[in-house]
Amino acid sequence: MVKKFSLINRETGPWSNYESFLMKDENFHVGWMEWTSNNTFRLNKNPLIKNPQSPYIYVITQEVNIPINEGLIRVNPEKIKKDVEIPDKKMYGTYSNKFCIVDKYEPVDINKLPKPYISKDEFLYKITDNWVGDVQKQFSKEIAINILSCPKSNYGIGGIGAQSLCPYGGKQELIFLNSSLKNILPNDFLNKNKKYMYKPIKTERDLRFANNDINKNIADEISYNYLYTPSPQSKLYLIPTQIPLIIPEVFYKPDRWGLDRDVLDYQLSALLLNPYIEENTQKNLINIITKTAQDILMKSNIQAPLDNTGVIRLAKAWCRLEYKQKIDEDDFIRMKNDFQEIFKEYYDMIEDTETTGKTYNIPLTRTSDAMRLSITANKVFKYIKKIQRTQGYKKISKEIIRNELPVKEISNYDLDKGLRDLVNAGFLLTYKNYSEFELVNK
């Protein structure tokens, strides 16, 4: 069993690239401020967790004014004072407190800190390295956006809500997904932590506790992953779904080595970023994403899970994945393409989850045990729904279906069998001796 890792208990690492940089001798008095009284503070080398922390308490005299409440600073100490404590009947003492009298300070730009050791593409590869099969890059992006979160701002608490779906497997794959995500995160982010928390939601009880965490401001950022049941809507809960997390046709390979240091480095570094999006850019972004959602949905009755706030959350999480402090118009096309890839399958599946209350074996749950559909029939059904939605056909010929389906994925034999299974299960009507098909409205 993989031993879980805690940042707060580290003594010898692993450290992120920026933590290692700040622990160098020349940066001994550099860190994020944590006020301990009106005129004293400590310096943390990591603002997400109080480890590593400077051994000194920094004291401000009346001559020095530090107007900021938090941030990365460099302190110039005037003098250092150490209190010696000698226990009874002992010859040697220890330093009970170490104080630095602050002479002056200067803010430090976090953009000057070292970047992660690995690239974005390497990070995406590593976070799904414990899945085997056709691991699509979009699967990695969905996981990455969920765990990289988005910062707290004037629209409220930070975090990204994800809805997990398993169209080609069962409940077990959702359990594996939960294990996979927990193995790439340190324990500190899975428990109460003021800066950032990740919370899987598996039951209604989990959902109530999660909602309480938001109401009580337990953390500045809380990212949720709704498992097993359809995502709650924003009318009932404070964080709606921003992204789907769709498990492709893969199987889980348990990780024997535990948390990956490079993944940790990238996540810790990305969580430092608080991307800025100008007001005009926000409006343009919302228009583009809304139009894209309408194009994807077309004739569907499903509403996009993104309001204007959700779009900005998603954009800021996307910036963290791209390791950028700012999104500009040059990023619009790339983000639009990512948005299309993330959501194009979601709307074909969510109708079934709302009908059945289940998020796996989609749409297998709508059939009886005596007439379960194969994975191939499931794929054919998904493509037919997509064709009808995007091209507006009422009746769809077998030729059109064949042209839309990749031959390497589904052979002619499998297509014929899949179509007959769908007809027999009551999902399709057939005409002209199985040469034309029509979706059954249920």
Protein backbone atom coordinates (compact mmCIF):
# COMPACT_ATOMS: atom_id res chain seq x y z
CA MET A 1 0.00 0.00 0.00
CA VAL A 2 1.31 3.46 -0.89
CA LYS A 3 2.28 5.50 2.15
CA LYS A 4 0.67 8.93 2.10
CA PHE A 5 2.90 11.96 2.16
CA SER A 6 2.50 15.10 4.31
CA LEU A 7 4.06 18.46 3.52
CA ILE A 8 3.84 19.67 7.11
CA ASN A 9 5.98 16.79 8.38
CA ARG A 10 8.77 17.14 5.84
CA GLU A 11 12.30 17.28 7.18
CA THR A 12 14.42 16.35 4.19
CA GLY A 13 11.99 16.96 1.34
CA PRO A 14 10.82 16.54 -1.29
CA TRP A 15 10.86 20.28 -1.91
CA SER A 16 9.47 22.22 -4.81
CA ASN A 17 11.89 24.13 -7.01
CA TYR A 18 10.94 27.47 -5.44
CA GLU A 19 11.21 26.09 -1.88
CA SER A 20 14.75 24.85 -2.58
CA PHE A 21 15.61 28.29 -3.98
CA LEU A 22 14.27 30.11 -0.92
CA MET A 23 16.15 27.82 1.46
CA LYS A 24 19.53 28.88 0.05
CA ASP A 25 21.75 30.86 2.42
CA GLU A 26 21.42 34.09 0.43
CA ASN A 27 17.60 33.84 0.75
CA PHE A 28 17.56 32.96 4.43
CA HIS A 29 15.46 36.03 5.29
CA VAL A 30 13.09 35.73 2.31
CA GLY A 31 9.61 34.27 2.64
CA TRP A 32 5.87 34.86 2.87
CA MET A 33 4.78 36.93 5.85
CA GLU A 34 2.66 35.43 8.60
CA TRP A 35 1.82 38.00 11.27
CA THR A 36 1.99 36.70 14.86
CA SER A 37 1.17 40.03 16.59
CA ASN A 38 0.88 43.73 15.77
CA ASN A 39 4.65 44.08 15.41
CA THR A 40 5.97 40.53 14.90
CA PHE A 41 5.81 38.03 12.04
CA ARG A 42 7.38 34.85 10.75
CA LEU A 43 8.51 33.97 7.25
CA ASN A 44 7.26 30.85 5.49
CA LYS A 45 9.05 29.36 2.50
CA ASN A 46 5.72 28.00 1.28
CA PRO A 47 2.51 30.05 1.71
CA LEU A 48 0.33 26.95 1.33
CA ILE A 49 1.67 25.23 4.43
CA LYS A 50 3.78 26.23 7.45
CA ASN A 51 6.75 24.15 6.42
CA PRO A 52 9.51 25.04 5.93
CA GLN A 53 9.41 28.09 8.21
CA SER A 54 12.10 30.53 9.30
CA PRO A 55 13.35 29.84 12.85
CA TYR A 56 13.19 33.56 13.65
CA ILE A 57 10.47 35.83 14.92
CA TYR A 58 10.85 39.18 13.14
CA VAL A 59 10.23 42.28 15.24
CA ILE A 60 9.27 45.65 13.75
CA THR A 61 10.33 48.82 15.58
CA GLN A 62 8.45 52.12 15.40
CA GLU A 63 10.91 53.38 12.77
CA VAL A 64 9.97 50.64 10.28
CA ASN A 65 6.58 50.55 8.55
CA ILE A 66 5.36 47.47 6.65
CA PRO A 67 2.00 48.42 5.12
CA ILE A 68 1.26 45.02 3.53
CA ASN A 69 -0.63 42.22 5.29
CA GLU A 70 0.83 39.35 3.34
CA GLY A 71 3.18 38.60 0.47
CA LEU A 72 6.68 37.50 -0.38
CA ILE A 73 9.32 39.82 1.11
CA ARG A 74 13.04 40.07 1.81
CA VAL A 75 13.94 41.27 5.30
CA ASN A 76 17.17 43.04 6.25
CA PRO A 77 17.72 42.30 9.95
CA GLU A 78 19.40 44.99 12.07
CA LYS A 79 20.41 42.59 14.81
CA ILE A 80 19.62 39.11 16.02
CA LYS A 81 18.71 38.30 19.62
CA LYS A 82 18.58 34.81 21.09
CA ASP A 83 17.03 33.83 24.42
CA VAL A 84 18.94 31.10 26.22
CA GLU A 85 17.07 28.62 28.38
CA ILE A 86 18.97 26.30 30.78
CA PRO A 87 16.85 23.49 32.27
CA ASP A 88 17.28 22.64 35.96
CA LYS A 89 20.33 20.57 36.83
CA LYS A 90 21.70 20.89 33.30
CA MET A 91 25.05 22.35 32.27
CA TYR A 92 24.03 23.26 28.73
CA GLY A 93 21.15 25.36 27.53
CA THR A 94 19.21 25.83 24.33
CA TYR A 95 17.83 28.80 22.45
CA SER A 96 14.16 29.11 23.40
CA ASN A 97 13.45 32.05 21.05
CA LYS A 98 15.30 33.68 18.17
CA PHE A 99 14.42 37.26 17.25
CA CYS A 100 15.42 39.45 14.33
CA ILE A 101 15.02 43.21 14.70
CA VAL A 102 13.91 44.41 11.25
CA ASP A 103 15.93 47.26 9.76
CA LYS A 104 14.10 47.39 6.41
CA TYR A 105 12.33 45.17 3.89
CA GLU A 106 11.54 44.92 0.18
CA PRO A 107 8.75 43.05 -1.66
CA VAL A 108 9.84 40.14 -3.89
CA ASP A 109 8.07 39.44 -7.21
CA ILE A 110 6.93 35.79 -7.26
CA ASN A 111 7.47 35.82 -11.03
CA LYS A 112 11.19 35.90 -10.25
CA LEU A 113 11.00 32.55 -8.45
CA PRO A 114 12.23 29.47 -10.32
CA LYS A 115 9.63 27.72 -12.46
CA PRO A 116 8.76 24.02 -12.10
CA TYR A 117 11.31 21.49 -13.31
CA ILE A 118 8.87 19.86 -15.73
CA SER A 119 6.82 21.28 -18.59
CA LYS A 120 3.02 21.37 -18.79
CA ASP A 121 2.95 18.38 -21.16
CA GLU A 122 5.17 16.36 -18.81
CA PHE A 123 2.90 17.27 -15.92
CA LEU A 124 -0.19 16.14 -17.87
CA TYR A 125 1.52 12.85 -18.73
CA LYS A 126 2.56 12.15 -15.15
CA ILE A 127 -0.80 12.77 -13.49
CA THR A 128 -2.38 9.94 -15.53
CA ASP A 129 0.69 7.70 -15.64
CA ASN A 130 -1.15 5.17 -13.46
CA TRP A 131 -3.84 4.61 -16.11
CA VAL A 132 -3.23 2.15 -18.96
CA GLY A 133 -4.87 2.18 -22.38
CA ASP A 134 -6.00 5.01 -24.63
CA VAL A 135 -5.25 7.74 -22.07
CA GLN A 136 -6.45 10.81 -23.91
CA LYS A 137 -4.76 14.11 -23.21
CA GLN A 138 -8.13 15.64 -22.48
CA PHE A 139 -8.55 13.26 -19.54
CA SER A 140 -5.30 14.62 -18.10
CA LYS A 141 -6.38 18.23 -18.69
CA GLU A 142 -9.67 17.68 -16.89
CA ILE A 143 -7.86 16.24 -13.86
CA ALA A 144 -5.26 19.02 -13.95
CA ILE A 145 -7.83 21.84 -14.05
CA ASN A 146 -9.70 20.25 -11.14
CA ILE A 147 -6.68 19.91 -8.82
CA LEU A 148 -5.01 23.18 -9.83
CA SER A 149 -8.11 25.02 -8.68
CA CYS A 150 -8.65 28.77 -9.08
CA PRO A 151 -7.93 31.55 -6.57
CA LYS A 152 -10.31 33.26 -4.18
CA SER A 153 -11.50 36.63 -5.46
CA ASN A 154 -14.39 39.07 -5.43
CA TYR A 155 -16.68 36.36 -6.84
CA GLY A 156 -16.15 34.27 -3.71
CA ILE A 157 -14.21 31.27 -2.54
CA GLY A 158 -11.82 29.68 -5.04
CA GLY A 159 -11.95 26.18 -6.45
CA ILE A 160 -13.17 24.15 -9.42
CA GLY A 161 -16.07 21.70 -9.29
CA ALA A 162 -15.78 18.57 -11.42
CA GLN A 163 -18.37 15.91 -12.28
CA SER A 164 -16.85 12.48 -12.86
CA LEU A 165 -18.44 10.25 -15.49
CA CYS A 166 -17.53 6.71 -16.52
CA PRO A 167 -19.23 5.89 -19.85
CA TYR A 168 -17.28 2.70 -20.61
CA GLY A 169 -17.02 1.12 -17.18
CA GLY A 170 -18.72 0.76 -13.83
CA LYS A 171 -18.61 2.12 -10.30
CA GLN A 172 -15.23 0.45 -9.71
CA GLU A 173 -13.53 2.80 -12.20
CA LEU A 174 -14.86 5.78 -10.25
CA ILE A 175 -13.38 4.29 -7.08
CA PHE A 176 -10.06 3.89 -8.92
CA LEU A 177 -10.25 7.49 -10.11
CA ASN A 178 -10.68 8.66 -6.54
CA SER A 179 -7.67 6.58 -5.45
CA SER A 180 -5.62 7.86 -8.37
CA LEU A 181 -6.25 11.51 -7.51
CA LYS A 182 -5.60 11.02 -3.82
CA ASN A 183 -2.27 9.38 -4.62
CA ILE A 184 -1.00 12.39 -6.58
CA LEU A 185 -1.87 14.86 -3.81
CA PRO A 186 -0.18 15.35 -0.44
CA ASN A 187 -2.28 14.55 2.63
CA ASP A 188 -2.36 18.22 3.57
CA PHE A 189 -4.58 19.05 0.59
CA LEU A 190 -7.02 16.24 1.43
CA ASN A 191 -7.64 17.52 4.96
CA LYS A 192 -8.45 20.89 6.49
CA ASN A 193 -6.00 23.44 5.17
CA LYS A 194 -6.64 27.17 5.09
CA LYS A 195 -5.14 27.71 1.64
CA TYR A 196 -6.28 24.80 -0.53
CA MET A 197 -8.36 21.61 -0.17
CA TYR A 198 -9.44 18.88 -2.58
CA LYS A 199 -12.65 17.06 -1.65
CA PRO A 200 -14.12 13.97 -3.37
CA ILE A 201 -17.90 13.73 -2.96
CA LYS A 202 -19.18 10.16 -2.88
CA THR A 203 -22.35 10.46 -0.80
CA GLU A 204 -25.02 12.96 0.18
CA ARG A 205 -23.26 13.22 3.54
CA ASP A 206 -20.03 14.27 1.80
CA LEU A 207 -22.06 16.84 -0.10
CA ARG A 208 -23.52 18.38 3.07
CA PHE A 209 -20.10 18.56 4.70
CA ALA A 210 -18.63 20.13 1.57
CA ASN A 211 -21.31 22.78 1.51
CA ASN A 212 -20.67 23.51 5.20
CA ASP A 213 -16.97 23.95 4.47
CA ILE A 214 -17.80 26.69 1.97
CA ASN A 215 -20.23 28.43 4.31
CA LYS A 216 -17.65 28.40 7.11
CA ASN A 217 -14.78 29.56 4.86
CA ILE A 218 -12.66 26.57 5.89
CA ALA A 219 -10.24 27.23 3.01
CA ASP A 220 -9.56 29.95 0.44
CA GLU A 221 -9.80 27.37 -2.34
CA ILE A 222 -11.83 24.14 -2.33
CA SER A 223 -11.97 21.95 -5.44
CA TYR A 224 -14.68 19.29 -5.54
CA ASN A 225 -15.08 16.12 -7.54
CA TYR A 226 -18.63 14.78 -7.61
CA LEU A 227 -18.51 10.97 -7.84
CA TYR A 228 -21.34 8.45 -8.43
CA THR A 229 -24.26 10.89 -8.42
CA PRO A 230 -25.04 13.76 -10.80
CA SER A 231 -23.58 17.08 -9.77
CA PRO A 232 -25.74 19.35 -7.62
CA GLN A 233 -26.82 22.51 -9.39
CA SER A 234 -25.81 26.02 -8.38
CA LYS A 235 -29.34 26.79 -7.16
CA LEU A 236 -28.81 24.41 -4.24
CA TYR A 237 -25.07 24.58 -3.61
CA LEU A 238 -22.46 27.30 -3.71
CA ILE A 239 -19.99 25.69 -6.13
CA PRO A 240 -21.59 24.19 -9.26
CA THR A 241 -19.84 21.99 -11.78
CA GLN A 242 -17.36 23.84 -13.97
CA ILE A 243 -15.92 20.83 -15.82
CA PRO A 244 -16.73 17.18 -16.48
CA LEU A 245 -14.09 14.55 -15.72
CA ILE A 246 -14.73 11.73 -18.19
CA ILE A 247 -12.83 8.46 -17.72
CA PRO A 248 -11.85 7.04 -21.15
CA GLU A 249 -11.64 3.34 -21.99
CA VAL A 250 -8.66 2.65 -19.71
CA PHE A 251 -7.85 0.61 -16.62
CA TYR A 252 -6.14 1.63 -13.41
CA LYS A 253 -2.64 0.49 -12.49
CA PRO A 254 -1.99 1.21 -8.79
CA ASP A 255 1.07 3.37 -8.20
CA ARG A 256 3.62 1.63 -6.00
CA TRP A 257 5.80 4.67 -5.48
CA GLY A 258 3.33 7.19 -4.13
CA LEU A 259 3.39 10.91 -4.73
CA ASP A 260 5.46 12.06 -7.73
CA ARG A 261 7.90 14.83 -6.79
CA ASP A 262 7.65 16.51 -10.19
CA VAL A 263 3.85 16.57 -9.99
CA LEU A 264 4.13 18.06 -6.50
CA ASP A 265 6.55 20.71 -7.77
CA TYR A 266 4.25 21.74 -10.64
CA GLN A 267 1.14 21.86 -8.48
CA LEU A 268 2.76 23.83 -5.63
CA SER A 269 4.18 26.31 -8.15
CA ALA A 270 0.89 26.70 -10.04
CA LEU A 271 -1.06 27.27 -6.81
CA LEU A 272 1.10 30.35 -6.15
CA LEU A 273 -0.33 32.04 -9.24
CA ASN A 274 -3.27 34.41 -9.00
CA PRO A 275 -3.95 35.08 -12.70
CA TYR A 276 -5.30 38.48 -13.68
CA ILE A 277 -7.93 38.91 -16.38
CA GLU A 278 -8.80 42.42 -17.49
CA GLU A 279 -12.46 43.42 -17.56
CA ASN A 280 -12.65 43.74 -21.36
CA THR A 281 -10.88 40.42 -21.73
CA GLN A 282 -13.38 38.84 -19.34
CA LYS A 283 -16.31 40.05 -21.46
CA ASN A 284 -14.76 38.76 -24.68
CA LEU A 285 -13.92 35.45 -23.04
CA ILE A 286 -17.45 35.00 -21.70
CA ASN A 287 -18.93 35.72 -25.14
CA ILE A 288 -16.63 33.23 -26.87
CA ILE A 289 -17.18 30.45 -24.33
CA THR A 290 -20.96 31.03 -24.26
CA LYS A 291 -21.12 30.90 -28.07
CA THR A 292 -18.99 27.75 -28.07
CA ALA A 293 -21.32 26.13 -25.53
CA GLN A 294 -24.35 27.01 -27.67
CA ASP A 295 -22.67 25.50 -30.74
CA ILE A 296 -21.98 22.28 -28.83
CA LEU A 297 -25.44 22.05 -27.31
CA MET A 298 -27.42 23.09 -30.37
CA LYS A 299 -30.79 21.33 -30.07
CA SER A 300 -30.17 19.81 -26.67
CA ASN A 301 -32.36 20.72 -23.71
CA ILE A 302 -29.34 20.64 -21.37
CA GLN A 303 -28.12 23.98 -20.06
CA ALA A 304 -24.40 24.74 -19.90
CA PRO A 305 -23.11 24.40 -16.31
CA LEU A 306 -21.09 27.59 -16.74
CA ASP A 307 -22.37 31.00 -15.75
CA ASN A 308 -20.18 34.08 -16.14
CA THR A 309 -18.49 33.39 -12.82
CA GLY A 310 -17.83 29.79 -13.88
CA VAL A 311 -16.15 30.96 -17.09
CA ILE A 312 -13.76 33.19 -15.14
CA ARG A 313 -13.00 30.40 -12.68
CA LEU A 314 -12.26 28.05 -15.55
CA ALA A 315 -10.07 30.65 -17.27
CA LYS A 316 -7.99 31.20 -14.14
CA ALA A 317 -7.54 27.48 -13.58
CA TRP A 318 -6.53 27.19 -17.26
CA CYS A 319 -3.93 29.94 -16.67
CA ARG A 320 -2.46 27.95 -13.81
CA LEU A 321 -2.20 24.87 -16.01
CA GLU A 322 -0.46 26.96 -18.67
CA TYR A 323 1.65 28.51 -15.89
CA LYS A 324 0.61 32.04 -16.84
CA GLN A 325 -0.23 35.07 -14.69
CA LYS A 326 -2.46 36.64 -17.32
CA ILE A 327 -4.80 35.56 -20.10
CA ASP A 328 -4.96 37.67 -23.23
CA GLU A 329 -6.75 37.53 -26.58
CA ASP A 330 -3.99 35.39 -28.10
CA ASP A 331 -5.08 32.61 -25.71
CA PHE A 332 -8.74 32.71 -26.73
CA ILE A 333 -8.54 30.20 -29.58
CA ARG A 334 -6.50 27.73 -27.54
CA MET A 335 -8.86 27.98 -24.60
CA LYS A 336 -11.89 27.70 -26.85
CA ASN A 337 -10.46 24.50 -28.38
CA ASP A 338 -9.77 23.06 -24.92
CA PHE A 339 -13.29 23.96 -23.85
CA GLN A 340 -14.77 22.20 -26.88
CA GLU A 341 -12.72 19.07 -26.22
CA ILE A 342 -13.68 19.01 -22.54
CA PHE A 343 -17.41 19.47 -23.06
CA LYS A 344 -18.24 17.83 -26.38
CA GLU A 345 -18.79 14.38 -24.80
CA TYR A 346 -20.33 15.72 -21.61
CA TYR A 347 -23.61 16.85 -23.13
CA ASP A 348 -24.10 13.50 -24.85
CA MET A 349 -23.91 11.78 -21.46
CA ILE A 350 -25.40 14.08 -18.86
CA GLU A 351 -28.97 13.59 -20.16
CA ASP A 352 -28.73 9.94 -19.21
CA THR A 353 -27.22 10.63 -15.78
CA GLU A 354 -30.08 13.00 -14.97
CA THR A 355 -32.59 10.33 -15.99
CA THR A 356 -30.98 7.39 -14.16
CA GLY A 357 -29.13 9.08 -11.30
CA LYS A 358 -26.00 7.11 -12.20
CA THR A 359 -22.74 8.32 -13.68
CA TYR A 360 -21.34 5.04 -14.99
CA ASN A 361 -22.25 2.54 -17.73
CA ILE A 362 -23.77 5.41 -19.69
CA PRO A 363 -26.35 4.79 -21.18
CA LEU A 364 -26.34 1.14 -20.10
CA THR A 365 -28.26 1.91 -16.92
CA ARG A 366 -31.42 2.66 -18.91
CA THR A 367 -31.67 -0.96 -20.12
CA SER A 368 -32.65 -4.06 -18.17
CA ASP A 369 -30.12 -6.64 -17.05
CA ALA A 370 -31.41 -8.98 -19.75
CA MET A 371 -30.64 -6.47 -22.48
CA ARG A 372 -27.36 -4.81 -21.50
CA LEU A 373 -25.56 -3.01 -24.29
CA SER A 374 -21.97 -3.70 -25.20
CA ILE A 375 -19.31 -0.99 -25.09
CA THR A 376 -19.37 -0.97 -28.90
CA ALA A 377 -23.14 -0.35 -28.98
CA ASN A 378 -22.63 2.36 -26.41
CA LYS A 379 -20.06 4.09 -28.65
CA VAL A 380 -22.32 3.82 -31.70
CA PHE A 381 -25.19 5.34 -29.73
CA LYS A 382 -22.99 8.23 -28.60
CA TYR A 383 -21.91 8.98 -32.19
CA ILE A 384 -25.49 8.87 -33.47
CA LYS A 385 -26.56 11.38 -30.83
CA LYS A 386 -23.64 13.60 -31.82
CA ILE A 387 -24.54 13.40 -35.54
CA GLN A 388 -28.16 14.30 -34.86
CA ARG A 389 -27.18 17.20 -32.63
CA THR A 390 -24.52 18.69 -34.89
CA GLN A 391 -26.04 17.97 -38.33
CA GLY A 392 -29.74 18.16 -37.56
CA TYR A 393 -30.83 14.85 -39.12
CA LYS A 394 -34.06 13.25 -37.95
CA LYS A 395 -33.34 9.99 -39.78
CA ILE A 396 -29.70 9.00 -40.19
CA SER A 397 -28.49 6.60 -42.84
CA LYS A 398 -26.11 3.79 -42.04
CA GLU A 399 -23.69 5.28 -44.59
CA ILE A 400 -23.49 8.56 -42.66
CA ILE A 401 -22.93 6.68 -39.41
CA ARG A 402 -20.18 4.60 -41.02
CA ASN A 403 -18.44 7.74 -42.33
CA GLU A 404 -18.48 9.34 -38.87
CA LEU A 405 -17.15 6.30 -37.00
CA PRO A 406 -13.42 5.48 -37.18
CA VAL A 407 -13.01 2.08 -38.87
CA LYS A 408 -10.00 1.19 -36.70
CA GLU A 409 -12.18 1.60 -33.62
CA ILE A 410 -15.38 -0.06 -34.84
CA SER A 411 -15.40 -2.59 -37.68
CA ASN A 412 -18.31 -3.07 -40.10
CA TYR A 413 -19.31 -6.24 -38.24
CA ASP A 414 -19.28 -4.44 -34.86
CA LEU A 415 -21.27 -1.54 -36.33
CA ASP A 416 -24.00 -3.87 -37.65
CA LYS A 417 -24.19 -5.70 -34.32
CA GLY A 418 -24.20 -2.45 -32.34
CA LEU A 419 -27.05 -1.02 -34.43
CA ARG A 420 -29.15 -4.19 -34.04
CA ASP A 421 -28.54 -4.19 -30.26
CA LEU A 422 -29.66 -0.56 -30.04
CA VAL A 423 -32.80 -1.31 -32.03
CA ASN A 424 -33.60 -4.36 -29.88
CA ALA A 425 -33.01 -2.36 -26.69
CA GLY A 426 -35.43 0.33 -27.83
CA PHE A 427 -32.92 3.14 -28.37
CA LEU A 428 -33.34 3.29 -32.18
CA LEU A 429 -36.09 2.91 -34.73
CA THR A 430 -35.05 1.30 -38.01
CA TYR A 431 -36.27 1.83 -41.59
CA LYS A 432 -35.56 0.40 -45.07
CA ASN A 433 -34.17 -2.91 -43.91
CA TYR A 434 -31.71 -1.50 -41.34
CA SER A 435 -30.35 1.16 -43.68
CA GLU A 436 -31.84 4.20 -41.84
CA PHE A 437 -32.20 4.89 -38.13
CA GLU A 438 -33.96 7.35 -35.85
CA LEU A 439 -33.35 8.08 -32.15
CA VAL A 440 -36.19 7.18 -29.83
CA ASN A 441 -37.23 10.09 -27.63
CA LYS A 442 -37.58 8.78 -24.07
